[in-house]
Full PDB file with SEQRES, HELIX, SHEET, SSBOND, CRYST1, ORIGX, SCALE, CONECT and MASTER records, all heavy atoms in Angstrom:
SEQRES   1 A   44  GLY ILE GLU ALA PRO ALA ILE ILE VAL VAL GLY ALA VAL          
SEQRES   2 A   44  ALA ASP LEU ARG GLU ARG ILE ALA TRP PHE GLU ASP ARG          
SEQRES   3 A   44  PRO LEU PHE GLY ARG ARG LEU VAL VAL THR ARG SER ARG          
SEQRES   4 A   44  GLU GLN ALA GLY SER                                          
HELIX    1 AA1 ALA A   12  LEU A   16  5                                   5    
HELIX    2 AA2 ARG A   17  ILE A   20  1                                   4    
HELIX    3 AA3 PHE A   23  ASP A   25  5                                   3    
CRYST1    1.000    1.000    1.000  90.00  90.00  90.00 P 1           1          
ORIGX1      1.000000  0.000000  0.000000        0.00000                         
ORIGX2      0.000000  1.000000  0.000000        0.00000                         
ORIGX3      0.000000  0.000000  1.000000        0.00000                         
SCALE1      1.000000  0.000000  0.000000        0.00000                         
SCALE2      0.000000  1.000000  0.000000        0.00000                         
SCALE3      0.000000  0.000000  1.000000        0.00000                         
ATOM      1  N   GLY A   1      31.958  26.074  44.398  1.00  0.00           N  
ATOM      2  CA  GLY A   1      33.270  25.476  44.163  1.00  0.00           C  
ATOM      3  C   GLY A   1      33.722  25.581  42.724  1.00  0.00           C  
ATOM      4  O   GLY A   1      34.505  24.742  42.254  1.00  0.00           O  
ATOM      5  N   ILE A   2      33.259  26.591  41.998  1.00  0.00           N  
ATOM      6  CA  ILE A   2      33.674  26.779  40.607  1.00  0.00           C  
ATOM      7  C   ILE A   2      35.119  27.254  40.577  1.00  0.00           C  
ATOM      8  O   ILE A   2      35.471  28.257  41.188  1.00  0.00           O  
ATOM      9  CB  ILE A   2      32.768  27.797  39.884  1.00  0.00           C  
ATOM     10  CG1 ILE A   2      31.320  27.325  39.874  1.00  0.00           C  
ATOM     11  CG2 ILE A   2      33.278  28.043  38.466  1.00  0.00           C  
ATOM     12  CD1 ILE A   2      31.048  26.107  39.024  1.00  0.00           C  
ATOM     13  N   GLU A   3      35.946  26.531  39.846  1.00  0.00           N  
ATOM     14  CA  GLU A   3      37.354  26.875  39.696  1.00  0.00           C  
ATOM     15  C   GLU A   3      37.733  26.832  38.227  1.00  0.00           C  
ATOM     16  O   GLU A   3      36.944  26.414  37.375  1.00  0.00           O  
ATOM     17  CB  GLU A   3      38.225  25.896  40.491  1.00  0.00           C  
ATOM     18  CG  GLU A   3      37.959  25.878  41.991  1.00  0.00           C  
ATOM     19  CD  GLU A   3      38.781  24.839  42.712  1.00  0.00           C  
ATOM     20  OE1 GLU A   3      39.343  23.948  42.021  1.00  0.00           O  
ATOM     21  OE2 GLU A   3      38.868  24.891  43.945  1.00  0.00           O  
ATOM     22  N   ALA A   4      38.952  27.250  37.928  1.00  0.00           N  
ATOM     23  CA  ALA A   4      39.456  27.171  36.553  1.00  0.00           C  
ATOM     24  C   ALA A   4      39.632  25.696  36.173  1.00  0.00           C  
ATOM     25  O   ALA A   4      39.921  24.865  37.039  1.00  0.00           O  
ATOM     26  CB  ALA A   4      40.774  27.914  36.436  1.00  0.00           C  
ATOM     27  N   PRO A   5      39.426  25.356  34.891  1.00  0.00           N  
ATOM     28  CA  PRO A   5      39.067  26.230  33.780  1.00  0.00           C  
ATOM     29  C   PRO A   5      37.556  26.444  33.712  1.00  0.00           C  
ATOM     30  O   PRO A   5      36.774  25.497  33.883  1.00  0.00           O  
ATOM     31  CB  PRO A   5      39.562  25.454  32.563  1.00  0.00           C  
ATOM     32  CG  PRO A   5      39.416  24.020  32.971  1.00  0.00           C  
ATOM     33  CD  PRO A   5      39.708  23.971  34.444  1.00  0.00           C  
ATOM     34  N   ALA A   6      37.152  27.677  33.495  1.00  0.00           N  
ATOM     35  CA  ALA A   6      35.720  27.970  33.421  1.00  0.00           C  
ATOM     36  C   ALA A   6      35.486  29.154  32.499  1.00  0.00           C  
ATOM     37  O   ALA A   6      36.353  30.024  32.346  1.00  0.00           O  
ATOM     38  CB  ALA A   6      35.152  28.264  34.806  1.00  0.00           C  
ATOM     39  N   ILE A   7      34.316  29.158  31.890  1.00  0.00           N  
ATOM     40  CA  ILE A   7      33.863  30.266  31.047  1.00  0.00           C  
ATOM     41  C   ILE A   7      32.797  31.033  31.819  1.00  0.00           C  
ATOM     42  O   ILE A   7      31.910  30.431  32.446  1.00  0.00           O  
ATOM     43  CB  ILE A   7      33.290  29.744  29.722  1.00  0.00           C  
ATOM     44  CG1 ILE A   7      34.393  29.137  28.866  1.00  0.00           C  
ATOM     45  CG2 ILE A   7      32.565  30.854  28.948  1.00  0.00           C  
ATOM     46  CD1 ILE A   7      35.426  30.126  28.361  1.00  0.00           C  
ATOM     47  N   ILE A   8      32.868  32.366  31.778  1.00  0.00           N  
ATOM     48  CA  ILE A   8      31.873  33.221  32.421  1.00  0.00           C  
ATOM     49  C   ILE A   8      31.030  33.871  31.324  1.00  0.00           C  
ATOM     50  O   ILE A   8      31.568  34.551  30.455  1.00  0.00           O  
ATOM     51  CB  ILE A   8      32.555  34.314  33.270  1.00  0.00           C  
ATOM     52  CG1 ILE A   8      33.479  33.684  34.315  1.00  0.00           C  
ATOM     53  CG2 ILE A   8      31.501  35.208  33.942  1.00  0.00           C  
ATOM     54  CD1 ILE A   8      34.417  34.678  34.979  1.00  0.00           C  
ATOM     55  N   VAL A   9      29.728  33.626  31.353  1.00  0.00           N  
ATOM     56  CA  VAL A   9      28.817  34.173  30.347  1.00  0.00           C  
ATOM     57  C   VAL A   9      27.954  35.231  31.021  1.00  0.00           C  
ATOM     58  O   VAL A   9      27.194  34.931  31.938  1.00  0.00           O  
ATOM     59  CB  VAL A   9      27.913  33.076  29.745  1.00  0.00           C  
ATOM     60  CG1 VAL A   9      27.048  33.644  28.625  1.00  0.00           C  
ATOM     61  CG2 VAL A   9      28.747  31.905  29.252  1.00  0.00           C  
ATOM     62  N   VAL A  10      28.064  36.455  30.538  1.00  0.00           N  
ATOM     63  CA  VAL A  10      27.275  37.560  31.083  1.00  0.00           C  
ATOM     64  C   VAL A  10      26.246  37.977  30.044  1.00  0.00           C  
ATOM     65  O   VAL A  10      26.606  38.348  28.926  1.00  0.00           O  
ATOM     66  CB  VAL A  10      28.167  38.761  31.454  1.00  0.00           C  
ATOM     67  CG1 VAL A  10      27.328  39.888  32.058  1.00  0.00           C  
ATOM     68  CG2 VAL A  10      29.268  38.337  32.425  1.00  0.00           C  
ATOM     69  N   GLY A  11      24.981  37.889  30.407  1.00  0.00           N  
ATOM     70  CA  GLY A  11      23.933  38.283  29.470  1.00  0.00           C  
ATOM     71  C   GLY A  11      22.637  37.553  29.726  1.00  0.00           C  
ATOM     72  O   GLY A  11      22.596  36.525  30.424  1.00  0.00           O  
ATOM     73  N   ALA A  12      21.561  38.072  29.144  1.00  0.00           N  
ATOM     74  CA  ALA A  12      20.224  37.516  29.373  1.00  0.00           C  
ATOM     75  C   ALA A  12      20.091  36.081  28.892  1.00  0.00           C  
ATOM     76  O   ALA A  12      19.220  35.333  29.367  1.00  0.00           O  
ATOM     77  CB  ALA A  12      19.182  38.399  28.682  1.00  0.00           C  
ATOM     78  N   VAL A  13      20.975  35.640  27.976  1.00  0.00           N  
ATOM     79  CA  VAL A  13      20.890  34.265  27.459  1.00  0.00           C  
ATOM     80  C   VAL A  13      21.103  33.235  28.551  1.00  0.00           C  
ATOM     81  O   VAL A  13      20.660  32.092  28.430  1.00  0.00           O  
ATOM     82  CB  VAL A  13      21.916  34.029  26.323  1.00  0.00           C  
ATOM     83  CG1 VAL A  13      21.545  34.812  25.060  1.00  0.00           C  
ATOM     84  CG2 VAL A  13      23.329  34.384  26.777  1.00  0.00           C  
ATOM     85  N   ALA A  14      21.780  33.638  29.651  1.00  0.00           N  
ATOM     86  CA  ALA A  14      22.039  32.679  30.735  1.00  0.00           C  
ATOM     87  C   ALA A  14      20.746  32.164  31.343  1.00  0.00           C  
ATOM     88  O   ALA A  14      20.699  31.047  31.871  1.00  0.00           O  
ATOM     89  CB  ALA A  14      22.912  33.326  31.806  1.00  0.00           C  
ATOM     90  N   ASP A  15      19.673  32.954  31.261  1.00  0.00           N  
ATOM     91  CA  ASP A  15      18.385  32.519  31.813  1.00  0.00           C  
ATOM     92  C   ASP A  15      17.757  31.376  31.023  1.00  0.00           C  
ATOM     93  O   ASP A  15      16.873  30.680  31.529  1.00  0.00           O  
ATOM     94  CB  ASP A  15      17.402  33.704  31.847  1.00  0.00           C  
ATOM     95  CG  ASP A  15      17.473  34.460  33.168  1.00  0.00           C  
ATOM     96  OD1 ASP A  15      18.081  33.924  34.113  1.00  0.00           O  
ATOM     97  OD2 ASP A  15      16.942  35.572  33.247  1.00  0.00           O  
ATOM     98  N   LEU A  16      18.197  31.178  29.774  1.00  0.00           N  
ATOM     99  CA  LEU A  16      17.624  30.119  28.933  1.00  0.00           C  
ATOM    100  C   LEU A  16      18.027  28.732  29.404  1.00  0.00           C  
ATOM    101  O   LEU A  16      17.385  27.744  29.058  1.00  0.00           O  
ATOM    102  CB  LEU A  16      18.036  30.319  27.472  1.00  0.00           C  
ATOM    103  CG  LEU A  16      17.481  31.580  26.795  1.00  0.00           C  
ATOM    104  CD1 LEU A  16      18.154  31.802  25.452  1.00  0.00           C  
ATOM    105  CD2 LEU A  16      15.975  31.474  26.627  1.00  0.00           C  
ATOM    106  N   ARG A  17      19.095  28.650  30.202  1.00  0.00           N  
ATOM    107  CA  ARG A  17      19.569  27.345  30.682  1.00  0.00           C  
ATOM    108  C   ARG A  17      18.462  26.573  31.393  1.00  0.00           C  
ATOM    109  O   ARG A  17      18.364  25.348  31.263  1.00  0.00           O  
ATOM    110  CB  ARG A  17      20.760  27.538  31.620  1.00  0.00           C  
ATOM    111  CG  ARG A  17      21.122  26.277  32.386  1.00  0.00           C  
ATOM    112  CD  ARG A  17      22.332  26.486  33.266  1.00  0.00           C  
ATOM    113  NE  ARG A  17      22.427  25.437  34.278  1.00  0.00           N  
ATOM    114  CZ  ARG A  17      22.882  24.201  34.060  1.00  0.00           C  
ATOM    115  NH1 ARG A  17      23.271  23.849  32.853  1.00  0.00           N  
ATOM    116  NH2 ARG A  17      22.942  23.327  35.049  1.00  0.00           N  
ATOM    117  N   GLU A  18      17.633  27.277  32.160  1.00  0.00           N  
ATOM    118  CA  GLU A  18      16.596  26.612  32.937  1.00  0.00           C  
ATOM    119  C   GLU A  18      15.675  25.783  32.058  1.00  0.00           C  
ATOM    120  O   GLU A  18      15.158  24.744  32.486  1.00  0.00           O  
ATOM    121  CB  GLU A  18      15.785  27.657  33.710  1.00  0.00           C  
ATOM    122  CG  GLU A  18      14.756  27.061  34.649  1.00  0.00           C  
ATOM    123  CD  GLU A  18      14.037  28.116  35.463  1.00  0.00           C  
ATOM    124  OE1 GLU A  18      14.500  29.282  35.479  1.00  0.00           O  
ATOM    125  OE2 GLU A  18      13.004  27.783  36.073  1.00  0.00           O  
ATOM    126  N   ARG A  19      15.511  26.197  30.793  1.00  0.00           N  
ATOM    127  CA  ARG A  19      14.580  25.500  29.896  1.00  0.00           C  
ATOM    128  C   ARG A  19      15.274  24.560  28.915  1.00  0.00           C  
ATOM    129  O   ARG A  19      14.649  23.593  28.468  1.00  0.00           O  
ATOM    130  CB  ARG A  19      13.749  26.535  29.118  1.00  0.00           C  
ATOM    131  CG  ARG A  19      12.670  27.204  29.958  1.00  0.00           C  
ATOM    132  CD  ARG A  19      11.908  28.245  29.147  1.00  0.00           C  
ATOM    133  NE  ARG A  19      12.677  29.477  28.988  1.00  0.00           N  
ATOM    134  CZ  ARG A  19      12.371  30.441  28.124  1.00  0.00           C  
ATOM    135  NH1 ARG A  19      11.340  30.305  27.318  1.00  0.00           N  
ATOM    136  NH2 ARG A  19      13.104  31.531  28.059  1.00  0.00           N  
ATOM    137  N   ILE A  20      16.513  24.839  28.565  1.00  0.00           N  
ATOM    138  CA  ILE A  20      17.129  24.018  27.505  1.00  0.00           C  
ATOM    139  C   ILE A  20      18.416  23.314  27.945  1.00  0.00           C  
ATOM    140  O   ILE A  20      19.162  22.822  27.106  1.00  0.00           O  
ATOM    141  CB  ILE A  20      17.394  24.848  26.226  1.00  0.00           C  
ATOM    142  CG1 ILE A  20      18.362  26.010  26.511  1.00  0.00           C  
ATOM    143  CG2 ILE A  20      16.096  25.349  25.638  1.00  0.00           C  
ATOM    144  CD1 ILE A  20      18.729  26.776  25.232  1.00  0.00           C  
ATOM    145  N   ALA A  21      18.678  23.238  29.239  1.00  0.00           N  
ATOM    146  CA  ALA A  21      19.819  22.438  29.696  1.00  0.00           C  
ATOM    147  C   ALA A  21      19.630  20.995  29.241  1.00  0.00           C  
ATOM    148  O   ALA A  21      18.544  20.440  29.363  1.00  0.00           O  
ATOM    149  CB  ALA A  21      19.947  22.516  31.213  1.00  0.00           C  
ATOM    150  N   TRP A  22      20.669  20.381  28.735  1.00  0.00           N  
ATOM    151  CA  TRP A  22      20.528  19.024  28.198  1.00  0.00           C  
ATOM    152  C   TRP A  22      21.683  18.101  28.625  1.00  0.00           C  
ATOM    153  O   TRP A  22      21.484  16.946  28.964  1.00  0.00           O  
ATOM    154  CB  TRP A  22      20.468  19.046  26.667  1.00  0.00           C  
ATOM    155  CG  TRP A  22      21.696  19.640  26.032  1.00  0.00           C  
ATOM    156  CD1 TRP A  22      21.964  20.963  25.842  1.00  0.00           C  
ATOM    157  CD2 TRP A  22      22.842  18.930  25.551  1.00  0.00           C  
ATOM    158  NE1 TRP A  22      23.212  21.124  25.270  1.00  0.00           N  
ATOM    159  CE2 TRP A  22      23.770  19.901  25.067  1.00  0.00           C  
ATOM    160  CE3 TRP A  22      23.182  17.582  25.471  1.00  0.00           C  
ATOM    161  CZ2 TRP A  22      25.002  19.554  24.527  1.00  0.00           C  
ATOM    162  CZ3 TRP A  22      24.414  17.228  24.922  1.00  0.00           C  
ATOM    163  CH2 TRP A  22      25.305  18.218  24.451  1.00  0.00           C  
ATOM    164  N   PHE A  23      22.893  18.609  28.625  1.00  0.00           N  
ATOM    165  CA  PHE A  23      24.059  17.760  28.830  1.00  0.00           C  
ATOM    166  C   PHE A  23      24.097  17.185  30.236  1.00  0.00           C  
ATOM    167  O   PHE A  23      24.348  15.990  30.440  1.00  0.00           O  
ATOM    168  CB  PHE A  23      25.318  18.585  28.545  1.00  0.00           C  
ATOM    169  CG  PHE A  23      26.599  17.818  28.636  1.00  0.00           C  
ATOM    170  CD1 PHE A  23      26.872  16.781  27.757  1.00  0.00           C  
ATOM    171  CD2 PHE A  23      27.564  18.139  29.586  1.00  0.00           C  
ATOM    172  CE1 PHE A  23      28.059  16.078  27.819  1.00  0.00           C  
ATOM    173  CE2 PHE A  23      28.749  17.453  29.663  1.00  0.00           C  
ATOM    174  CZ  PHE A  23      28.997  16.423  28.778  1.00  0.00           C  
ATOM    175  N   GLU A  24      23.840  18.001  31.230  1.00  0.00           N  
ATOM    176  CA  GLU A  24      23.932  17.566  32.619  1.00  0.00           C  
ATOM    177  C   GLU A  24      22.700  16.808  33.081  1.00  0.00           C  
ATOM    178  O   GLU A  24      22.665  16.307  34.213  1.00  0.00           O  
ATOM    179  CB  GLU A  24      24.169  18.781  33.525  1.00  0.00           C  
ATOM    180  CG  GLU A  24      25.505  19.459  33.259  1.00  0.00           C  
ATOM    181  CD  GLU A  24      25.581  20.852  33.849  1.00  0.00           C  
ATOM    182  OE1 GLU A  24      25.190  21.012  35.024  1.00  0.00           O  
ATOM    183  OE2 GLU A  24      26.023  21.778  33.146  1.00  0.00           O  
ATOM    184  N   ASP A  25      21.682  16.701  32.220  1.00  0.00           N  
ATOM    185  CA  ASP A  25      20.467  15.976  32.575  1.00  0.00           C  
ATOM    186  C   ASP A  25      20.526  14.499  32.200  1.00  0.00           C  
ATOM    187  O   ASP A  25      19.583  13.752  32.454  1.00  0.00           O  
ATOM    188  CB  ASP A  25      19.251  16.610  31.885  1.00  0.00           C  
ATOM    189  CG  ASP A  25      18.872  17.943  32.514  1.00  0.00           C  
ATOM    190  OD1 ASP A  25      19.339  18.209  33.639  1.00  0.00           O  
ATOM    191  OD2 ASP A  25      18.133  18.708  31.890  1.00  0.00           O  
ATOM    192  N   ARG A  26      21.595  14.072  31.569  1.00  0.00           N  
ATOM    193  CA  ARG A  26      21.694  12.669  31.152  1.00  0.00           C  
ATOM    194  C   ARG A  26      21.795  11.755  32.372  1.00  0.00           C  
ATOM    195  O   ARG A  26      22.317  12.156  33.423  1.00  0.00           O  
ATOM    196  CB  ARG A  26      22.880  12.491  30.202  1.00  0.00           C  
ATOM    197  CG  ARG A  26      22.683  13.255  28.904  1.00  0.00           C  
ATOM    198  CD  ARG A  26      23.860  13.098  27.961  1.00  0.00           C  
ATOM    199  NE  ARG A  26      25.080  13.599  28.565  1.00  0.00           N  
ATOM    200  CZ  ARG A  26      26.289  13.403  28.037  1.00  0.00           C  
ATOM    201  NH1 ARG A  26      26.413  12.721  26.904  1.00  0.00           N  
ATOM    202  NH2 ARG A  26      27.357  13.897  28.623  1.00  0.00           N  
ATOM    203  N   PRO A  27      21.276  10.530  32.268  1.00  0.00           N  
ATOM    204  CA  PRO A  27      21.103   9.675  33.461  1.00  0.00           C  
ATOM    205  C   PRO A  27      22.376   9.340  34.218  1.00  0.00           C  
ATOM    206  O   PRO A  27      22.322   9.107  35.427  1.00  0.00           O  
ATOM    207  CB  PRO A  27      20.435   8.413  32.899  1.00  0.00           C  
ATOM    208  CG  PRO A  27      20.658   8.451  31.421  1.00  0.00           C  
ATOM    209  CD  PRO A  27      20.728   9.894  31.051  1.00  0.00           C  
ATOM    210  N   LEU A  28      23.521   9.278  33.542  1.00  0.00           N  
ATOM    211  CA  LEU A  28      24.760   8.898  34.222  1.00  0.00           C  
ATOM    212  C   LEU A  28      25.699  10.082  34.421  1.00  0.00           C  
ATOM    213  O   LEU A  28      26.871   9.901  34.776  1.00  0.00           O  
ATOM    214  CB  LEU A  28      25.481   7.792  33.440  1.00  0.00           C  
ATOM    215  CG  LEU A  28      24.710   6.478  33.271  1.00  0.00           C  
ATOM    216  CD1 LEU A  28      25.535   5.473  32.481  1.00  0.00           C  
ATOM    217  CD2 LEU A  28      24.309   5.895  34.629  1.00  0.00           C  
ATOM    218  N   PHE A  29      25.189  11.298  34.210  1.00  0.00           N  
ATOM    219  CA  PHE A  29      26.064  12.458  34.309  1.00  0.00           C  
ATOM    220  C   PHE A  29      26.647  12.583  35.722  1.00  0.00           C  
ATOM    221  O   PHE A  29      25.943  12.444  36.728  1.00  0.00           O  
ATOM    222  CB  PHE A  29      25.316  13.750  33.983  1.00  0.00           C  
ATOM    223  CG  PHE A  29      26.232  14.950  33.985  1.00  0.00           C  
ATOM    224  CD1 PHE A  29      27.015  15.228  32.885  1.00  0.00           C  
ATOM    225  CD2 PHE A  29      26.339  15.758  35.098  1.00  0.00           C  
ATOM    226  CE1 PHE A  29      27.892  16.296  32.891  1.00  0.00           C  
ATOM    227  CE2 PHE A  29      27.206  16.831  35.121  1.00  0.00           C  
ATOM    228  CZ  PHE A  29      27.980  17.101  34.009  1.00  0.00           C  
ATOM    229  N   GLY A  30      27.957  12.845  35.768  1.00  0.00           N  
ATOM    230  CA  GLY A  30      28.626  13.017  37.053  1.00  0.00           C  
ATOM    231  C   GLY A  30      29.049  11.727  37.720  1.00  0.00           C  
ATOM    232  O   GLY A  30      29.684  11.758  38.774  1.00  0.00           O  
ATOM    233  N   ARG A  31      28.705  10.580  37.115  1.00  0.00           N  
ATOM    234  CA  ARG A  31      29.100   9.288  37.693  1.00  0.00           C  
ATOM    235  C   ARG A  31      30.420   8.828  37.075  1.00  0.00           C  
ATOM    236  O   ARG A  31      30.607   8.916  35.863  1.00  0.00           O  
ATOM    237  CB  ARG A  31      28.034   8.228  37.423  1.00  0.00           C  
ATOM    238  CG  ARG A  31      26.641   8.604  37.888  1.00  0.00           C  
ATOM    239  CD  ARG A  31      26.536   8.667  39.395  1.00  0.00           C  
ATOM    240  NE  ARG A  31      25.170   8.937  39.837  1.00  0.00           N  
ATOM    241  CZ  ARG A  31      24.803   8.983  41.110  1.00  0.00           C  
ATOM    242  NH1 ARG A  31      25.697   8.789  42.061  1.00  0.00           N  
ATOM    243  NH2 ARG A  31      23.547   9.243  41.437  1.00  0.00           N  
ATOM    244  N   ARG A  32      31.312   8.338  37.921  1.00  0.00           N  
ATOM    245  CA  ARG A  32      32.550   7.749  37.409  1.00  0.00           C  
ATOM    246  C   ARG A  32      32.408   6.231  37.504  1.00  0.00           C  
ATOM    247  O   ARG A  32      32.292   5.671  38.586  1.00  0.00           O  
ATOM    248  CB  ARG A  32      33.757   8.228  38.209  1.00  0.00           C  
ATOM    249  CG  ARG A  32      35.069   7.605  37.711  1.00  0.00           C  
ATOM    250  CD  ARG A  32      36.257   8.129  38.474  1.00  0.00           C  
ATOM    251  NE  ARG A  32      36.670   9.431  37.999  1.00  0.00           N  
ATOM    252  CZ  ARG A  32      37.557  10.204  38.630  1.00  0.00           C  
ATOM    253  NH1 ARG A  32      38.099   9.787  39.749  1.00  0.00           N  
ATOM    254  NH2 ARG A  32      37.906  11.370  38.144  1.00  0.00           N  
ATOM    255  N   LEU A  33      32.422   5.596  36.334  1.00  0.00           N  
ATOM    256  CA  LEU A  33      32.179   4.160  36.260  1.00  0.00           C  
ATOM    257  C   LEU A  33      33.387   3.448  35.682  1.00  0.00           C  
ATOM    258  O   LEU A  33      34.070   3.964  34.783  1.00  0.00           O  
ATOM    259  CB  LEU A  33      30.938   3.880  35.396  1.00  0.00           C  
ATOM    260  CG  LEU A  33      29.653   4.551  35.895  1.00  0.00           C  
ATOM    261  CD1 LEU A  33      28.535   4.360  34.889  1.00  0.00           C  
ATOM    262  CD2 LEU A  33      29.242   4.000  37.256  1.00  0.00           C  
ATOM    263  N   VAL A  34      33.622   2.250  36.181  1.00  0.00           N  
ATOM    264  CA  VAL A  34      34.789   1.469  35.776  1.00  0.00           C  
ATOM    265  C   VAL A  34      34.376   0.418  34.753  1.00  0.00           C  
ATOM    266  O   VAL A  34      33.392  -0.310  34.961  1.00  0.00           O  
ATOM    267  CB  VAL A  34      35.436   0.785  36.998  1.00  0.00           C  
ATOM    268  CG1 VAL A  34      36.604  -0.101  36.570  1.00  0.00           C  
ATOM    269  CG2 VAL A  34      35.893   1.834  38.002  1.00  0.00           C  
ATOM    270  N   VAL A  35      35.117   0.338  33.667  1.00  0.00           N  
ATOM    271  CA  VAL A  35      34.916  -0.685  32.641  1.00  0.00           C  
ATOM    272  C   VAL A  35      36.055  -1.685  32.769  1.00  0.00           C  
ATOM    273  O   VAL A  35      37.236  -1.323  32.656  1.00  0.00           O  
ATOM    274  CB  VAL A  35      34.887  -0.063  31.232  1.00  0.00           C  
ATOM    275  CG1 VAL A  35      34.904  -1.151  30.163  1.00  0.00           C  
ATOM    276  CG2 VAL A  35      33.661   0.816  31.075  1.00  0.00           C  
ATOM    277  N   THR A  36      35.710  -2.937  33.031  1.00  0.00           N  
ATOM    278  CA  THR A  36      36.724  -3.961  33.293  1.00  0.00           C  
ATOM    279  C   THR A  36      37.009  -4.849  32.086  1.00  0.00           C  
ATOM    280  O   THR A  36      37.727  -5.830  32.197  1.00  0.00           O  
ATOM    281  CB  THR A  36      36.278  -4.859  34.472  1.00  0.00           C  
ATOM    282  OG1 THR A  36      34.995  -5.432  34.164  1.00  0.00           O  
ATOM    283  CG2 THR A  36      36.163  -4.059  35.754  1.00  0.00           C  
ATOM    284  N   ARG A  37      36.441  -4.506  30.948  1.00  0.00           N  
ATOM    285  CA  ARG A  37      36.688  -5.328  29.756  1.00  0.00           C  
ATOM    286  C   ARG A  37      38.118  -5.144  29.269  1.00  0.00           C  
ATOM    287  O   ARG A  37      38.799  -4.180  29.611  1.00  0.00           O  
ATOM    288  CB  ARG A  37      35.729  -4.926  28.623  1.00  0.00           C  
ATOM    289  CG  ARG A  37      34.264  -4.981  28.986  1.00  0.00           C  
ATOM    290  CD  ARG A  37      33.396  -4.792  27.763  1.00  0.00           C  
ATOM    291  NE  ARG A  37      33.104  -6.068  27.119  1.00  0.00           N  
ATOM    292  CZ  ARG A  37      32.607  -6.184  25.890  1.00  0.00           C  
ATOM    293  NH1 ARG A  37      32.376  -5.114  25.164  1.00  0.00           N  
ATOM    294  NH2 ARG A  37      32.341  -7.366  25.379  1.00  0.00           N  
ATOM    295  N   SER A  38      38.571  -6.062  28.449  1.00  0.00           N  
ATOM    296  CA  SER A  38      39.904  -5.943  27.877  1.00  0.00           C  
ATOM    297  C   SER A  38      39.985  -4.688  27.027  1.00  0.00           C  
ATOM    298  O   SER A  38      38.967  -4.156  26.557  1.00  0.00           O  
ATOM    299  CB  SER A  38      40.222  -7.164  27.002  1.00  0.00           C  
ATOM    300  OG  SER A  38      39.392  -7.171  25.850  1.00  0.00           O  
ATOM    301  N   ARG A  39      41.191  -4.178  26.829  1.00  0.00           N  
ATOM    302  CA  ARG A  39      41.374  -2.947  26.054  1.00  0.00           C  
ATOM    303  C   ARG A  39      40.788  -3.085  24.653  1.00  0.00           C  
ATOM    304  O   ARG A  39      40.269  -2.131  24.080  1.00  0.00           O  
ATOM    305  CB  ARG A  39      42.868  -2.613  25.974  1.00  0.00           C  
ATOM    306  CG  ARG A  39      43.139  -1.174  25.580  1.00  0.00           C  
ATOM    307  CD  ARG A  39      44.619  -0.867  25.742  1.00  0.00           C  
ATOM    308  NE  ARG A  39      45.106  -1.076  27.084  1.00  0.00           N  
ATOM    309  CZ  ARG A  39      44.925  -0.221  28.084  1.00  0.00           C  
ATOM    310  NH1 ARG A  39      44.248   0.895  27.885  1.00  0.00           N  
ATOM    311  NH2 ARG A  39      45.418  -0.484  29.281  1.00  0.00           N  
ATOM    312  N   GLU A  40      40.863  -4.298  24.108  1.00  0.00           N  
ATOM    313  CA  GLU A  40      40.348  -4.517  22.751  1.00  0.00           C  
ATOM    314  C   GLU A  40      38.835  -4.415  22.702  1.00  0.00           C  
ATOM    315  O   GLU A  40      38.258  -4.105  21.657  1.00  0.00           O  
ATOM    316  CB  GLU A  40      40.778  -5.903  22.244  1.00  0.00           C  
ATOM    317  CG  GLU A  40      42.289  -6.076  22.075  1.00  0.00           C  
ATOM    318  CD  GLU A  40      42.990  -6.458  23.370  1.00  0.00           C  
ATOM    319  OE1 GLU A  40      42.340  -6.507  24.433  1.00  0.00           O  
ATOM    320  OE2 GLU A  40      44.206  -6.700  23.309  1.00  0.00           O  
ATOM    321  N   GLN A  41      38.158  -4.678  23.805  1.00  0.00           N  
ATOM    322  CA  GLN A  41      36.703  -4.709  23.820  1.00  0.00           C  
ATOM    323  C   GLN A  41      36.057  -3.539  24.547  1.00  0.00           C  
ATOM    324  O   GLN A  41      34.858  -3.342  24.463  1.00  0.00           O  
ATOM    325  CB  GLN A  41      36.227  -6.004  24.501  1.00  0.00           C  
ATOM    326  CG  GLN A  41      36.458  -7.263  23.686  1.00  0.00           C  
ATOM    327  CD  GLN A  41      35.902  -8.472  24.402  1.00  0.00           C  
ATOM    328  OE1 GLN A  41      36.290  -8.783  25.515  1.00  0.00           O  
ATOM    329  NE2 GLN A  41      34.967  -9.164  23.776  1.00  0.00           N  
ATOM    330  N   ALA A  42      36.854  -2.764  25.275  1.00  0.00           N  
ATOM    331  CA  ALA A  42      36.287  -1.734  26.153  1.00  0.00           C  
ATOM    332  C   ALA A  42      35.554  -0.642  25.398  1.00  0.00           C  
ATOM    333  O   ALA A  42      34.636  -0.012  25.923  1.00  0.00           O  
ATOM    334  CB  ALA A  42      37.393  -1.123  27.014  1.00  0.00           C  
ATOM    335  N   GLY A  43      35.955  -0.402  24.140  1.00  0.00           N  
ATOM    336  CA  GLY A  43      35.450   0.750  23.401  1.00  0.00           C  
ATOM    337  C   GLY A  43      33.948   0.879  23.338  1.00  0.00           C  
ATOM    338  O   GLY A  43      33.395   1.965  23.571  1.00  0.00           O  
ATOM    339  N   SER A  44      33.240  -0.211  23.040  1.00  0.00           N  
ATOM    340  CA  SER A  44      31.793  -0.121  22.845  1.00  0.00           C  
ATOM    341  C   SER A  44      31.085   0.240  24.147  1.00  0.00           C  
ATOM    342  O   SER A  44      30.214   1.127  24.170  1.00  0.00           O  
ATOM    343  CB  SER A  44      31.236  -1.441  22.299  1.00  0.00           C  
ATOM    344  OG  SER A  44      31.543  -2.524  23.183  1.00  0.00           O  
TER     345      SER A  44                                                      
MASTER        0    0    0    3    0    0    0    6  344    1    0    4          
END                                                                             
């Protein structure tokens, strides 16, 4: 289901992802969470 906007990387470097992927491994990645605090306090 890959759609625009997307970057296509062609090259052997793409194989390095298996070992050094970091961003998508974070515990809440892909979760949409609601913050109900007031606008003045929501930032933290």
